[in-house]
N, C-alpha and C. Protein backbone atom coordinates (compact mmCIF):
# COMPACT_ATOMS: atom_id res chain seq x y z
N UNK A 1 24.28 84.25 68.14
CA UNK A 1 24.97 85.19 68.99
C UNK A 1 26.47 85.17 68.71
N UNK A 2 27.08 86.34 68.65
CA UNK A 2 28.49 86.48 68.34
C UNK A 2 29.27 86.66 69.65
N UNK A 3 30.34 85.89 69.82
CA UNK A 3 31.17 86.01 71.02
C UNK A 3 32.23 87.08 70.79
N UNK A 4 32.42 87.92 71.80
CA UNK A 4 33.52 88.90 71.75
C UNK A 4 34.77 88.23 72.30
N UNK A 5 35.77 88.13 71.49
CA UNK A 5 37.04 87.56 71.94
C UNK A 5 37.93 88.70 72.40
N UNK A 6 38.37 88.58 73.62
CA UNK A 6 39.30 89.60 74.12
C UNK A 6 40.69 88.98 74.16
N UNK A 7 41.70 89.82 74.08
CA UNK A 7 43.07 89.34 74.08
C UNK A 7 43.85 89.96 72.94
N UNK A 8 45.08 89.50 72.82
CA UNK A 8 45.97 90.03 71.79
C UNK A 8 46.19 88.97 70.72
N UNK A 9 46.40 89.43 69.53
CA UNK A 9 46.71 88.51 68.44
C UNK A 9 48.20 88.18 68.51
N UNK A 10 48.57 87.13 67.84
CA UNK A 10 49.97 86.72 67.80
C UNK A 10 50.84 87.82 67.22
N UNK A 11 50.36 88.51 66.22
CA UNK A 11 51.11 89.60 65.60
C UNK A 11 51.36 90.73 66.59
N UNK A 12 50.35 91.07 67.35
CA UNK A 12 50.50 92.14 68.35
C UNK A 12 51.53 91.74 69.42
N UNK A 13 51.51 90.50 69.85
CA UNK A 13 52.48 90.04 70.85
C UNK A 13 53.90 90.06 70.31
N UNK A 14 54.08 89.65 69.08
CA UNK A 14 55.41 89.66 68.47
C UNK A 14 55.92 91.08 68.32
N UNK A 15 55.07 92.00 67.90
CA UNK A 15 55.47 93.41 67.78
C UNK A 15 55.86 93.97 69.14
N UNK A 16 55.09 93.69 70.17
CA UNK A 16 55.39 94.19 71.52
C UNK A 16 56.71 93.62 72.02
N UNK A 17 56.94 92.33 71.80
CA UNK A 17 58.21 91.73 72.23
C UNK A 17 59.38 92.31 71.45
N UNK A 18 59.19 92.60 70.17
CA UNK A 18 60.24 93.23 69.37
C UNK A 18 60.60 94.61 69.90
N UNK A 19 59.59 95.40 70.26
CA UNK A 19 59.84 96.75 70.81
C UNK A 19 60.61 96.64 72.14
N UNK A 20 60.20 95.70 72.98
CA UNK A 20 60.90 95.51 74.26
C UNK A 20 62.35 95.09 74.03
N UNK A 21 62.60 94.21 73.06
CA UNK A 21 63.96 93.76 72.76
C UNK A 21 64.82 94.92 72.25
N UNK A 22 64.25 95.77 71.41
CA UNK A 22 65.00 96.93 70.90
C UNK A 22 65.34 97.88 72.04
N UNK A 23 64.39 98.17 72.90
CA UNK A 23 64.66 99.05 74.05
C UNK A 23 65.72 98.46 74.98
N UNK A 24 65.65 97.17 75.22
CA UNK A 24 66.66 96.51 76.08
C UNK A 24 68.04 96.61 75.45
N UNK A 25 68.12 96.41 74.13
CA UNK A 25 69.40 96.50 73.44
C UNK A 25 69.98 97.91 73.51
N UNK A 26 69.12 98.91 73.49
CA UNK A 26 69.60 100.30 73.59
C UNK A 26 70.05 100.64 75.01
N UNK A 27 69.43 100.03 76.01
CA UNK A 27 69.74 100.37 77.41
C UNK A 27 70.93 99.58 77.96
N UNK A 28 71.26 98.44 77.41
CA UNK A 28 72.34 97.60 77.95
C UNK A 28 73.69 98.32 77.98
N UNK A 29 74.13 98.99 76.91
CA UNK A 29 75.41 99.70 76.98
C UNK A 29 75.41 100.80 78.06
N UNK A 30 74.31 101.49 78.21
CA UNK A 30 74.23 102.53 79.24
C UNK A 30 74.31 101.91 80.63
N UNK A 31 73.67 100.78 80.82
CA UNK A 31 73.73 100.10 82.11
C UNK A 31 75.15 99.62 82.39
N UNK A 32 75.84 99.11 81.38
CA UNK A 32 77.24 98.66 81.54
C UNK A 32 78.14 99.84 81.92
N UNK A 33 77.98 100.96 81.23
CA UNK A 33 78.78 102.15 81.55
C UNK A 33 78.51 102.61 82.98
N UNK A 34 77.27 102.56 83.41
CA UNK A 34 76.93 102.97 84.78
C UNK A 34 77.58 102.03 85.79
N UNK A 35 77.58 100.72 85.52
CA UNK A 35 78.23 99.77 86.43
C UNK A 35 79.72 100.02 86.50
N UNK A 36 80.36 100.29 85.36
CA UNK A 36 81.80 100.57 85.34
C UNK A 36 82.11 101.85 86.12
N UNK A 37 81.27 102.86 85.95
CA UNK A 37 81.47 104.11 86.68
C UNK A 37 81.37 103.86 88.19
N UNK A 38 80.41 103.07 88.61
CA UNK A 38 80.26 102.76 90.04
C UNK A 38 81.48 102.00 90.54
N UNK A 39 81.99 101.05 89.76
CA UNK A 39 83.18 100.31 90.18
C UNK A 39 84.38 101.24 90.31
N UNK A 40 84.55 102.16 89.36
CA UNK A 40 85.68 103.10 89.44
C UNK A 40 85.56 103.98 90.68
N UNK A 41 84.36 104.45 90.97
CA UNK A 41 84.15 105.28 92.16
C UNK A 41 84.43 104.48 93.43
N UNK A 42 83.99 103.21 93.45
CA UNK A 42 84.24 102.36 94.61
C UNK A 42 85.74 102.12 94.78
N UNK A 43 86.46 101.97 93.68
CA UNK A 43 87.91 101.79 93.73
C UNK A 43 88.60 103.03 94.28
N UNK A 44 88.19 104.20 93.81
CA UNK A 44 88.77 105.45 94.31
C UNK A 44 88.50 105.61 95.80
N UNK A 45 87.31 105.26 96.22
CA UNK A 45 86.97 105.35 97.64
C UNK A 45 87.80 104.38 98.46
N UNK A 46 88.00 103.17 97.96
CA UNK A 46 88.81 102.19 98.69
C UNK A 46 90.26 102.66 98.79
N UNK A 47 90.81 103.21 97.72
CA UNK A 47 92.18 103.71 97.77
C UNK A 47 92.28 104.83 98.80
N UNK A 48 91.31 105.73 98.84
CA UNK A 48 91.32 106.80 99.83
C UNK A 48 91.22 106.23 101.25
N UNK A 49 90.41 105.20 101.44
CA UNK A 49 90.28 104.57 102.76
C UNK A 49 91.57 103.89 103.17
N UNK A 50 92.22 103.20 102.22
CA UNK A 50 93.49 102.56 102.52
C UNK A 50 94.55 103.61 102.85
N UNK A 51 94.55 104.73 102.11
CA UNK A 51 95.48 105.81 102.41
C UNK A 51 95.29 106.31 103.84
N UNK A 52 94.05 106.51 104.24
CA UNK A 52 93.76 106.98 105.60
C UNK A 52 94.24 105.95 106.63
N UNK A 53 93.97 104.68 106.36
CA UNK A 53 94.41 103.63 107.28
C UNK A 53 95.94 103.57 107.36
N UNK A 54 96.62 103.77 106.22
CA UNK A 54 98.09 103.78 106.22
C UNK A 54 98.64 104.97 107.01
N UNK A 55 97.97 106.10 106.94
CA UNK A 55 98.40 107.25 107.74
C UNK A 55 98.24 106.97 109.23
N UNK A 56 97.15 106.31 109.62
CA UNK A 56 96.96 105.94 111.03
C UNK A 56 98.03 104.93 111.46
N UNK A 57 98.35 103.98 110.57
CA UNK A 57 99.41 103.02 110.85
C UNK A 57 100.73 103.75 111.08
N UNK A 58 101.05 104.71 110.19
CA UNK A 58 102.30 105.46 110.33
C UNK A 58 102.33 106.26 111.63
N UNK A 59 101.20 106.80 112.03
CA UNK A 59 101.13 107.54 113.29
C UNK A 59 101.49 106.63 114.46
N UNK A 60 100.99 105.40 114.44
CA UNK A 60 101.25 104.47 115.54
C UNK A 60 102.63 103.83 115.48
N UNK A 61 103.11 103.48 114.28
CA UNK A 61 104.37 102.74 114.15
C UNK A 61 105.55 103.61 113.72
N UNK A 62 105.30 104.83 113.29
CA UNK A 62 106.39 105.72 112.87
C UNK A 62 106.82 105.55 111.43
N UNK A 63 106.37 104.51 110.75
CA UNK A 63 106.72 104.26 109.35
C UNK A 63 105.50 103.64 108.67
N UNK A 64 105.52 103.66 107.34
CA UNK A 64 104.50 102.94 106.58
C UNK A 64 104.88 101.47 106.56
N UNK A 65 103.92 100.57 106.31
CA UNK A 65 104.30 99.16 106.20
C UNK A 65 105.32 99.00 105.08
N UNK A 66 106.40 98.29 105.34
CA UNK A 66 107.41 98.13 104.28
C UNK A 66 106.91 97.22 103.18
N UNK A 67 107.40 97.46 101.97
CA UNK A 67 107.12 96.56 100.87
C UNK A 67 108.04 95.37 101.07
N UNK A 68 107.48 94.20 101.16
CA UNK A 68 108.27 92.98 101.36
C UNK A 68 107.96 91.99 100.28
N UNK A 69 108.61 90.84 100.36
CA UNK A 69 108.29 89.81 99.37
C UNK A 69 107.10 89.00 99.84
N UNK A 70 106.71 88.00 99.10
CA UNK A 70 105.49 87.24 99.39
C UNK A 70 105.53 86.57 100.76
N UNK A 71 106.71 86.33 101.32
CA UNK A 71 106.80 85.70 102.64
C UNK A 71 106.77 86.73 103.76
N UNK A 72 106.57 87.99 103.43
CA UNK A 72 106.54 89.03 104.45
C UNK A 72 107.92 89.56 104.78
N UNK A 73 108.95 89.06 104.12
CA UNK A 73 110.31 89.49 104.35
C UNK A 73 110.47 90.90 103.79
N UNK A 74 111.03 91.80 104.56
CA UNK A 74 111.14 93.19 104.11
C UNK A 74 112.54 93.52 103.61
N UNK A 75 113.36 92.51 103.33
CA UNK A 75 114.67 92.76 102.75
C UNK A 75 114.50 93.34 101.35
N UNK A 76 115.53 94.05 100.91
CA UNK A 76 115.49 94.56 99.54
C UNK A 76 115.33 93.37 98.60
N UNK A 77 114.38 93.46 97.69
CA UNK A 77 114.05 92.35 96.81
C UNK A 77 113.92 92.88 95.39
N UNK A 78 114.50 92.17 94.45
CA UNK A 78 114.28 92.51 93.05
C UNK A 78 113.03 91.77 92.61
N UNK A 79 111.97 92.51 92.39
CA UNK A 79 110.66 91.90 92.16
C UNK A 79 110.50 91.27 90.80
N UNK A 80 111.20 91.75 89.81
CA UNK A 80 110.96 91.23 88.47
C UNK A 80 109.52 91.45 88.06
N UNK A 81 108.83 90.39 87.66
CA UNK A 81 107.45 90.53 87.19
C UNK A 81 106.43 90.39 88.31
N UNK A 82 106.89 90.10 89.53
CA UNK A 82 105.95 89.89 90.63
C UNK A 82 105.66 91.22 91.32
N UNK A 83 104.42 91.63 91.40
CA UNK A 83 104.12 92.92 92.04
C UNK A 83 104.36 92.86 93.54
N UNK A 84 104.76 93.97 94.15
CA UNK A 84 105.00 94.01 95.59
C UNK A 84 103.68 94.15 96.35
N UNK A 85 102.97 93.07 96.45
CA UNK A 85 101.65 93.13 97.07
C UNK A 85 101.79 93.33 98.57
N UNK A 86 102.86 92.82 99.18
CA UNK A 86 103.15 92.91 100.62
C UNK A 86 101.95 92.45 101.43
N UNK A 87 102.11 92.22 102.66
CA UNK A 87 100.98 91.83 103.49
C UNK A 87 100.30 93.10 103.99
N UNK A 88 99.78 93.86 103.05
CA UNK A 88 99.09 95.10 103.36
C UNK A 88 97.89 94.82 104.24
N UNK A 89 97.17 93.76 103.93
CA UNK A 89 96.02 93.36 104.74
C UNK A 89 96.45 93.12 106.19
N UNK A 90 97.53 92.37 106.37
CA UNK A 90 98.01 92.08 107.72
C UNK A 90 98.40 93.34 108.48
N UNK A 91 99.05 94.27 107.79
CA UNK A 91 99.46 95.52 108.44
C UNK A 91 98.25 96.36 108.85
N UNK A 92 97.25 96.43 107.97
CA UNK A 92 96.11 97.30 108.24
C UNK A 92 95.11 96.69 109.22
N UNK A 93 95.15 95.38 109.40
CA UNK A 93 94.20 94.73 110.31
C UNK A 93 94.86 94.23 111.58
N UNK A 94 96.11 94.61 111.82
CA UNK A 94 96.81 94.19 113.03
C UNK A 94 96.08 94.70 114.26
N UNK A 95 96.16 93.95 115.34
CA UNK A 95 95.54 94.42 116.58
C UNK A 95 96.60 95.00 117.52
N UNK A 96 97.81 95.19 117.02
CA UNK A 96 98.87 95.82 117.81
C UNK A 96 98.70 97.33 117.79
N UNK A 97 99.19 97.95 118.83
CA UNK A 97 99.13 99.41 119.00
C UNK A 97 97.71 99.92 118.78
N UNK A 98 97.48 100.75 117.77
CA UNK A 98 96.15 101.34 117.58
C UNK A 98 95.25 100.61 116.63
N UNK A 99 95.71 99.47 116.07
CA UNK A 99 94.95 98.77 115.05
C UNK A 99 93.78 98.00 115.62
N UNK A 100 92.95 97.45 114.78
CA UNK A 100 93.00 97.48 113.32
C UNK A 100 92.63 98.86 112.77
N UNK A 101 93.17 99.16 111.61
CA UNK A 101 93.01 100.49 111.02
C UNK A 101 91.89 100.55 109.98
N UNK A 102 91.45 99.40 109.51
CA UNK A 102 90.39 99.35 108.50
C UNK A 102 89.79 97.94 108.53
N UNK A 103 88.55 97.84 108.12
CA UNK A 103 87.91 96.53 108.01
C UNK A 103 87.56 96.27 106.56
N UNK A 104 87.49 95.01 106.20
CA UNK A 104 87.18 94.62 104.83
C UNK A 104 86.04 93.62 104.81
N UNK A 105 85.23 93.69 103.77
CA UNK A 105 84.19 92.69 103.55
C UNK A 105 84.85 91.47 102.89
N UNK A 106 84.31 90.29 103.10
CA UNK A 106 84.93 89.08 102.53
C UNK A 106 85.12 89.15 101.01
N UNK A 107 84.20 89.79 100.29
CA UNK A 107 84.33 89.86 98.83
C UNK A 107 85.46 90.80 98.38
N UNK A 108 86.03 91.56 99.30
CA UNK A 108 87.14 92.46 98.98
C UNK A 108 88.50 91.80 99.20
N UNK A 109 88.50 90.52 99.56
CA UNK A 109 89.74 89.83 99.91
C UNK A 109 89.92 88.56 99.08
N UNK A 110 91.19 88.24 98.82
CA UNK A 110 91.55 86.97 98.21
C UNK A 110 92.35 86.20 99.26
N UNK A 111 91.77 85.15 99.77
CA UNK A 111 92.42 84.34 100.80
C UNK A 111 92.83 82.98 100.24
N UNK A 112 93.05 82.90 98.93
CA UNK A 112 93.33 81.62 98.29
C UNK A 112 94.72 81.08 98.59
N UNK A 113 95.64 81.91 99.05
CA UNK A 113 96.95 81.41 99.46
C UNK A 113 97.32 82.01 100.81
N UNK A 114 98.56 81.85 101.21
CA UNK A 114 98.96 82.26 102.56
C UNK A 114 98.97 83.77 102.75
N UNK A 115 98.98 84.52 101.68
CA UNK A 115 99.02 85.98 101.76
C UNK A 115 97.66 86.54 101.36
N UNK A 116 96.91 87.06 102.32
CA UNK A 116 95.60 87.64 102.01
C UNK A 116 95.82 88.94 101.23
N UNK A 117 95.15 89.07 100.10
CA UNK A 117 95.29 90.26 99.25
C UNK A 117 93.99 91.05 99.26
N UNK A 118 94.11 92.37 99.20
CA UNK A 118 92.96 93.26 99.11
C UNK A 118 92.66 93.43 97.62
N UNK A 119 91.41 93.17 97.25
CA UNK A 119 91.04 93.17 95.83
C UNK A 119 90.27 94.42 95.44
N UNK A 120 90.53 94.86 94.21
CA UNK A 120 89.76 95.98 93.66
C UNK A 120 88.41 95.45 93.15
N UNK A 121 87.54 96.31 92.68
CA UNK A 121 86.22 95.85 92.21
C UNK A 121 86.26 94.89 91.03
N UNK A 122 87.40 94.76 90.35
CA UNK A 122 87.54 93.84 89.22
C UNK A 122 88.24 92.55 89.65
N UNK A 123 88.39 92.35 90.96
CA UNK A 123 88.98 91.16 91.57
C UNK A 123 90.47 91.02 91.30
N UNK A 124 91.17 92.14 91.11
CA UNK A 124 92.63 92.16 90.98
C UNK A 124 93.20 92.75 92.27
N UNK A 125 94.36 92.28 92.73
CA UNK A 125 94.93 92.86 93.95
C UNK A 125 95.42 94.29 93.71
N UNK A 126 95.22 95.14 94.72
CA UNK A 126 95.82 96.47 94.67
C UNK A 126 97.33 96.31 94.74
N UNK A 127 98.06 97.19 94.06
CA UNK A 127 99.51 97.17 94.10
C UNK A 127 99.96 98.29 95.04
N UNK A 128 100.80 97.93 96.00
CA UNK A 128 101.27 98.85 97.04
C UNK A 128 102.80 98.84 97.04
N UNK A 129 103.41 100.02 96.93
CA UNK A 129 104.87 100.16 97.00
C UNK A 129 105.16 101.24 98.03
N UNK A 130 105.91 100.86 99.06
CA UNK A 130 106.18 101.75 100.18
C UNK A 130 107.57 102.38 100.07
N UNK A 131 107.74 103.54 100.68
CA UNK A 131 109.06 104.17 100.75
C UNK A 131 109.86 103.61 101.91
N UNK A 132 109.27 102.79 102.75
CA UNK A 132 109.93 102.23 103.93
C UNK A 132 110.68 100.97 103.57
N UNK A 133 111.88 100.81 104.11
CA UNK A 133 112.60 99.55 103.98
C UNK A 133 113.75 99.56 103.00
N UNK A 134 113.95 100.64 102.26
CA UNK A 134 115.10 100.73 101.37
C UNK A 134 115.13 99.67 100.28
N UNK A 135 113.97 99.24 99.83
CA UNK A 135 113.93 98.20 98.81
C UNK A 135 114.45 98.73 97.48
N UNK A 136 114.73 97.79 96.59
CA UNK A 136 115.29 98.13 95.28
C UNK A 136 114.32 98.97 94.47
N UNK A 137 113.03 98.73 94.64
CA UNK A 137 112.03 99.42 93.83
C UNK A 137 111.16 100.34 94.70
N UNK A 138 111.64 101.55 95.00
CA UNK A 138 110.81 102.46 95.81
C UNK A 138 109.67 103.02 94.98
N UNK A 139 108.71 103.68 95.63
CA UNK A 139 107.61 104.26 94.85
C UNK A 139 108.12 105.34 93.90
N UNK A 140 107.56 105.39 92.70
CA UNK A 140 107.98 106.36 91.70
C UNK A 140 107.28 107.70 91.85
N UNK A 141 106.06 107.71 92.33
CA UNK A 141 105.26 108.92 92.27
C UNK A 141 105.20 109.66 93.61
N UNK A 142 104.90 108.96 94.68
CA UNK A 142 104.89 109.55 96.02
C UNK A 142 106.15 109.06 96.73
N UNK A 143 107.29 109.62 96.36
CA UNK A 143 108.58 109.06 96.77
C UNK A 143 108.82 109.08 98.27
N UNK A 144 108.13 109.93 99.02
CA UNK A 144 108.33 109.97 100.47
C UNK A 144 107.29 109.16 101.25
N UNK A 145 106.31 108.64 100.56
CA UNK A 145 105.25 107.90 101.25
C UNK A 145 105.05 106.54 100.60
N UNK A 146 104.09 106.44 99.71
CA UNK A 146 103.77 105.16 99.07
C UNK A 146 102.94 105.41 97.83
N UNK A 147 103.01 104.46 96.93
CA UNK A 147 102.13 104.42 95.77
C UNK A 147 101.17 103.25 95.98
N UNK A 148 99.92 103.46 95.69
CA UNK A 148 98.94 102.38 95.70
C UNK A 148 98.04 102.59 94.49
N UNK A 149 97.80 101.50 93.76
CA UNK A 149 96.95 101.65 92.58
C UNK A 149 96.25 100.35 92.23
N UNK A 150 95.21 100.51 91.45
CA UNK A 150 94.47 99.40 90.86
C UNK A 150 94.79 99.39 89.38
N UNK A 151 94.87 98.19 88.83
CA UNK A 151 95.13 98.07 87.40
C UNK A 151 93.88 98.33 86.57
N UNK A 152 92.76 98.58 87.21
CA UNK A 152 91.54 98.95 86.51
C UNK A 152 90.84 97.78 85.87
N UNK A 153 89.83 98.07 85.04
CA UNK A 153 89.00 97.02 84.44
C UNK A 153 89.77 96.02 83.58
N UNK A 154 90.84 96.47 82.90
CA UNK A 154 91.54 95.54 82.00
C UNK A 154 92.56 94.66 82.73
N UNK A 155 92.88 94.98 83.99
CA UNK A 155 93.77 94.14 84.78
C UNK A 155 95.24 94.22 84.44
N UNK A 156 95.63 95.18 83.60
CA UNK A 156 97.04 95.36 83.25
C UNK A 156 97.41 96.82 83.47
N UNK A 157 98.72 97.05 83.64
CA UNK A 157 99.19 98.42 83.82
C UNK A 157 100.24 98.73 82.78
N UNK A 158 100.53 99.99 82.61
CA UNK A 158 101.51 100.43 81.63
C UNK A 158 102.92 100.12 82.13
N UNK A 159 103.71 99.45 81.34
CA UNK A 159 105.12 99.26 81.63
C UNK A 159 105.46 98.22 82.68
N UNK A 160 104.52 97.53 83.26
CA UNK A 160 104.82 96.55 84.31
C UNK A 160 104.59 97.15 85.68
N UNK A 161 104.45 96.29 86.68
CA UNK A 161 104.06 96.73 88.02
C UNK A 161 105.04 97.68 88.69
N UNK A 162 106.32 97.59 88.36
CA UNK A 162 107.31 98.40 89.08
C UNK A 162 108.00 99.43 88.22
N UNK A 163 107.55 99.64 87.01
CA UNK A 163 108.18 100.63 86.17
C UNK A 163 107.70 102.03 86.57
N UNK A 164 108.39 103.03 86.07
CA UNK A 164 108.02 104.41 86.38
C UNK A 164 106.63 104.74 85.86
N UNK A 165 106.18 104.05 84.85
CA UNK A 165 104.86 104.32 84.29
C UNK A 165 103.78 103.42 84.90
N UNK A 166 104.13 102.58 85.86
CA UNK A 166 103.14 101.69 86.49
C UNK A 166 102.02 102.52 87.10
N UNK A 167 100.81 102.06 86.94
CA UNK A 167 99.65 102.74 87.50
C UNK A 167 99.17 103.93 86.71
N UNK A 168 99.76 104.14 85.53
CA UNK A 168 99.38 105.31 84.73
C UNK A 168 98.65 104.92 83.44
N UNK A 169 98.22 103.66 83.35
CA UNK A 169 97.48 103.22 82.16
C UNK A 169 96.17 103.98 82.04
N UNK A 170 95.56 103.89 80.88
CA UNK A 170 94.36 104.67 80.60
C UNK A 170 93.22 104.36 81.56
N UNK A 171 93.19 103.14 82.11
CA UNK A 171 92.11 102.83 83.04
C UNK A 171 92.60 102.51 84.45
N UNK A 172 93.90 102.72 84.73
CA UNK A 172 94.42 102.50 86.08
C UNK A 172 93.92 103.58 87.01
N UNK A 173 93.75 103.21 88.26
CA UNK A 173 93.26 104.16 89.29
C UNK A 173 94.32 104.19 90.37
N UNK A 174 94.83 105.39 90.69
CA UNK A 174 95.96 105.48 91.60
C UNK A 174 95.79 106.57 92.64
N UNK A 175 96.78 106.71 93.52
CA UNK A 175 96.72 107.70 94.59
C UNK A 175 97.61 108.91 94.32
N UNK A 176 97.97 109.16 93.08
CA UNK A 176 98.75 110.35 92.78
C UNK A 176 98.14 111.17 91.69
C-alpha cells in the first residue's frame, strides 16, 4: 500500500517565502510614505489647534503670550542659537481667566526640564515667536500676531530658528 503524503516540499516553502519577502520589500516604502503623510497632517492639525487656542488666549488677556527666555522672562532677549520656545504650554494650559485653552496628550509633551515643551510628531519642540513684548526677534511672517512652526521630519530649519527664512525649509510646517 502506498501512503499519500500531504504537505509542501522545502522548495515550495522557500519559493513562497521569497514571494512574501519581495512583496514586503515593495510595500515598505509606501507604508513609510503613508506614515510620514499622517505625521505631517497631524502636525498641521496641531498648529491649527494651537492657533485657535492662542486666539482664545488673546481674547481673554488682550495679547498673545510673549516670547520670553527659558526662565519665562519676557524681557527683550537676543536668542542667538536658542529658539524662543517660551512657556507656550504654560500659557495655553493656564487656569486663569478663560483657560485652559487646549489639552495635550503626554506623548505630545517634553517634561524633561523645568520648561514643558509641546512636541511635533517627530519629537521636536514647536517654535513660537510672538509679536507681543517688543523682543529683539519679532515674527518675520505674521508680524502682527505670531509665527509657529515645526522643523519637520529632518529636525532642522532654513537659516536658523530666528532668521527671516526660519520655518521655510522644504519639510518645515508653519502657520503662514
